[in-house]
């Protein structure tokens, strides 16, 4: 199960749940426990209520994560491209991976920006 769809940039619902749970843990441990219980018991109604109530915070956290990854990919790709391929023959594989992640997260960022 992919967490971020490489063809579309879509984010799996479980990722939203993990980010929301992290936010709740930092701000309201009781709500975090209730949300965790809803996740464990597949209580979609309760999960939807929490996701709606905290949407703007979860969205902001996901945007921060995505833009950090995009920046990291750019930096690491530039760094990898500076290596001598004779000494580091796997650089093209690393760069290809970074480009896949960058392209995926570029689509993800666009989707997130459309949400708010």
Foldseek 3Di string as FASTA:
>chain_A
DDQADLVQLDGDPVLLLVLLLVVCVVPPVVVSVVSVVCVVVVVVVSVVVSCVVCVVVSLVVVLVVLVVLLVVLVVVLVVLVVDDCVVVVCSVVVNVVSVSSNSSSVSNNVVSVVVD
